[in-house]
Amino acid sequence: MHKLRIVQKELNETEIWLKVMVMAEFATEESLHCLREEVKSLARIITASIGTLKERGVGKESR
């Protein structure tokens, strides 16, 4: 579960950096649209996986 939480944080950071790239005009919103959608999709999958593990009680012993 710990590794999934790291992945979740990295995906959040990636989303932030993609926004920064658009704000700094290194890329356009349109050029990054597919990548941002992929990051959001992966984040939803990881979040659901963490929720499933919590429901099953997996990972509690590692806290």
N, C-alpha and C. Protein backbone atom coordinates (compact mmCIF):
# COMPACT_ATOMS: atom_id res chain seq x y z
N MET A 1 0.84 -1.19 0.00
CA MET A 1 0.00 0.00 0.00
C MET A 1 0.88 1.25 0.00
N HIS A 2 2.01 1.19 0.68
CA HIS A 2 2.91 2.34 0.75
C HIS A 2 3.36 2.77 -0.65
N LYS A 3 3.69 1.81 -1.48
CA LYS A 3 4.14 2.12 -2.83
C LYS A 3 3.02 2.74 -3.67
N LEU A 4 1.80 2.31 -3.45
CA LEU A 4 0.67 2.90 -4.16
C LEU A 4 0.46 4.36 -3.74
N ARG A 5 0.69 4.64 -2.48
CA ARG A 5 0.57 6.03 -2.00
C ARG A 5 1.66 6.91 -2.63
N ILE A 6 2.84 6.35 -2.80
CA ILE A 6 3.92 7.09 -3.47
C ILE A 6 3.52 7.37 -4.91
N VAL A 7 2.97 6.37 -5.58
CA VAL A 7 2.52 6.55 -6.96
C VAL A 7 1.47 7.65 -7.03
N GLN A 8 0.55 7.64 -6.09
CA GLN A 8 -0.51 8.64 -6.04
C GLN A 8 0.09 10.05 -5.91
N LYS A 9 1.05 10.21 -5.03
CA LYS A 9 1.70 11.51 -4.85
C LYS A 9 2.45 11.93 -6.11
N GLU A 10 3.12 10.98 -6.75
CA GLU A 10 3.85 11.30 -7.98
C GLU A 10 2.90 11.72 -9.10
N LEU A 11 1.76 11.08 -9.20
CA LEU A 11 0.77 11.46 -10.20
C LEU A 11 0.24 12.86 -9.92
N ASN A 12 0.01 13.18 -8.66
CA ASN A 12 -0.44 14.53 -8.30
C ASN A 12 0.62 15.56 -8.68
N GLU A 13 1.87 15.23 -8.41
CA GLU A 13 2.96 16.15 -8.76
C GLU A 13 3.08 16.31 -10.28
N THR A 14 2.89 15.23 -11.00
CA THR A 14 2.94 15.29 -12.46
C THR A 14 1.87 16.23 -12.98
N GLU A 15 0.67 16.13 -12.43
CA GLU A 15 -0.43 17.01 -12.85
C GLU A 15 -0.06 18.47 -12.60
N ILE A 16 0.56 18.74 -11.47
CA ILE A 16 0.98 20.11 -11.16
C ILE A 16 2.00 20.61 -12.18
N TRP A 17 2.99 19.77 -12.49
CA TRP A 17 4.02 20.18 -13.45
C TRP A 17 3.46 20.38 -14.85
N LEU A 18 2.48 19.60 -15.22
CA LEU A 18 1.84 19.81 -16.52
C LEU A 18 1.12 21.16 -16.55
N LYS A 19 0.48 21.52 -15.45
CA LYS A 19 -0.16 22.84 -15.35
C LYS A 19 0.88 23.95 -15.44
N VAL A 20 2.01 23.76 -14.78
CA VAL A 20 3.09 24.75 -14.81
C VAL A 20 3.60 24.93 -16.23
N MET A 21 3.74 23.83 -16.95
CA MET A 21 4.20 23.92 -18.34
C MET A 21 3.26 24.78 -19.19
N VAL A 22 1.97 24.64 -18.96
CA VAL A 22 1.00 25.44 -19.72
C VAL A 22 1.09 26.91 -19.28
N MET A 23 1.15 27.14 -17.98
CA MET A 23 1.23 28.51 -17.47
C MET A 23 2.49 29.23 -17.94
N ALA A 24 3.60 28.48 -18.04
CA ALA A 24 4.87 29.06 -18.48
C ALA A 24 4.98 29.11 -20.00
N GLU A 25 3.94 28.65 -20.66
CA GLU A 25 3.86 28.65 -22.11
C GLU A 25 4.93 27.79 -22.78
N PHE A 26 5.34 26.70 -22.09
CA PHE A 26 6.22 25.71 -22.69
C PHE A 26 5.42 24.75 -23.57
N ALA A 27 4.13 24.67 -23.29
CA ALA A 27 3.25 23.80 -24.06
C ALA A 27 1.85 24.39 -24.01
N THR A 28 1.03 23.97 -24.96
CA THR A 28 -0.36 24.44 -24.96
C THR A 28 -1.23 23.43 -24.22
N GLU A 29 -2.36 23.92 -23.77
CA GLU A 29 -3.34 23.06 -23.10
C GLU A 29 -3.74 21.91 -24.02
N GLU A 30 -3.92 22.23 -25.28
CA GLU A 30 -4.34 21.22 -26.25
C GLU A 30 -3.27 20.13 -26.43
N SER A 31 -2.00 20.54 -26.45
CA SER A 31 -0.94 19.56 -26.67
C SER A 31 -0.77 18.60 -25.49
N LEU A 32 -1.17 19.04 -24.30
CA LEU A 32 -1.03 18.21 -23.10
C LEU A 32 -2.33 17.55 -22.67
N HIS A 33 -3.40 17.81 -23.39
CA HIS A 33 -4.72 17.30 -22.99
C HIS A 33 -4.72 15.78 -22.79
N CYS A 34 -4.23 15.04 -23.77
CA CYS A 34 -4.24 13.57 -23.67
C CYS A 34 -3.40 13.08 -22.49
N LEU A 35 -2.25 13.72 -22.30
CA LEU A 35 -1.38 13.32 -21.20
C LEU A 35 -2.03 13.61 -19.85
N ARG A 36 -2.66 14.77 -19.74
CA ARG A 36 -3.33 15.11 -18.48
C ARG A 36 -4.49 14.17 -18.20
N GLU A 37 -5.22 13.79 -19.24
CA GLU A 37 -6.31 12.83 -19.07
C GLU A 37 -5.77 11.47 -18.62
N GLU A 38 -4.65 11.07 -19.16
CA GLU A 38 -4.03 9.79 -18.76
C GLU A 38 -3.60 9.83 -17.30
N VAL A 39 -3.02 10.94 -16.87
CA VAL A 39 -2.61 11.10 -15.48
C VAL A 39 -3.84 11.02 -14.56
N LYS A 40 -4.91 11.69 -14.94
CA LYS A 40 -6.14 11.65 -14.14
C LYS A 40 -6.71 10.24 -14.07
N SER A 41 -6.68 9.54 -15.18
CA SER A 41 -7.19 8.17 -15.22
C SER A 41 -6.36 7.25 -14.32
N LEU A 42 -5.06 7.37 -14.42
CA LEU A 42 -4.18 6.56 -13.56
C LEU A 42 -4.40 6.89 -12.09
N ALA A 43 -4.58 8.17 -11.79
CA ALA A 43 -4.82 8.58 -10.40
C ALA A 43 -6.10 7.96 -9.86
N ARG A 44 -7.15 7.90 -10.69
CA ARG A 44 -8.41 7.27 -10.25
C ARG A 44 -8.21 5.78 -10.00
N ILE A 45 -7.44 5.13 -10.86
CA ILE A 45 -7.18 3.69 -10.68
C ILE A 45 -6.41 3.44 -9.39
N ILE A 46 -5.38 4.23 -9.16
CA ILE A 46 -4.56 4.06 -7.95
C ILE A 46 -5.38 4.35 -6.70
N THR A 47 -6.19 5.41 -6.75
CA THR A 47 -7.04 5.74 -5.61
C THR A 47 -8.02 4.61 -5.31
N ALA A 48 -8.60 4.03 -6.35
CA ALA A 48 -9.53 2.91 -6.16
C ALA A 48 -8.79 1.70 -5.59
N SER A 49 -7.59 1.47 -6.03
CA SER A 49 -6.80 0.34 -5.52
C SER A 49 -6.48 0.51 -4.05
N ILE A 50 -6.12 1.73 -3.68
CA ILE A 50 -5.85 2.01 -2.26
C ILE A 50 -7.11 1.79 -1.44
N GLY A 51 -8.26 2.25 -1.94
CA GLY A 51 -9.53 2.04 -1.24
C GLY A 51 -9.85 0.58 -1.07
N THR A 52 -9.62 -0.22 -2.11
CA THR A 52 -9.86 -1.66 -2.03
C THR A 52 -8.97 -2.31 -0.98
N LEU A 53 -7.71 -1.92 -0.97
CA LEU A 53 -6.79 -2.48 0.02
C LEU A 53 -7.20 -2.10 1.44
N LYS A 54 -7.66 -0.87 1.62
CA LYS A 54 -8.13 -0.44 2.94
C LYS A 54 -9.33 -1.28 3.38
N GLU A 55 -10.27 -1.51 2.45
CA GLU A 55 -11.46 -2.31 2.76
C GLU A 55 -11.07 -3.72 3.19
N ARG A 56 -10.05 -4.26 2.55
CA ARG A 56 -9.59 -5.62 2.86
C ARG A 56 -8.67 -5.67 4.07
N GLY A 57 -8.29 -4.50 4.58
CA GLY A 57 -7.44 -4.47 5.75
C GLY A 57 -5.97 -4.73 5.45
N VAL A 58 -5.60 -4.62 4.18
CA VAL A 58 -4.21 -4.85 3.78
C VAL A 58 -3.40 -3.60 4.05
N GLY A 59 -2.20 -3.79 4.58
CA GLY A 59 -1.30 -2.67 4.79
C GLY A 59 -1.39 -2.04 6.15
N LYS A 60 -2.32 -2.44 6.98
CA LYS A 60 -2.44 -1.84 8.31
C LYS A 60 -1.26 -2.17 9.19
N GLU A 61 -0.68 -3.34 8.99
CA GLU A 61 0.45 -3.75 9.84
C GLU A 61 1.71 -2.98 9.52
N SER A 62 1.78 -2.28 8.36
CA SER A 62 2.98 -1.55 7.98
C SER A 62 2.99 -0.11 8.50
N ARG A 63 1.96 0.29 9.21
CA ARG A 63 1.92 1.67 9.72
C ARG A 63 2.74 1.83 10.94
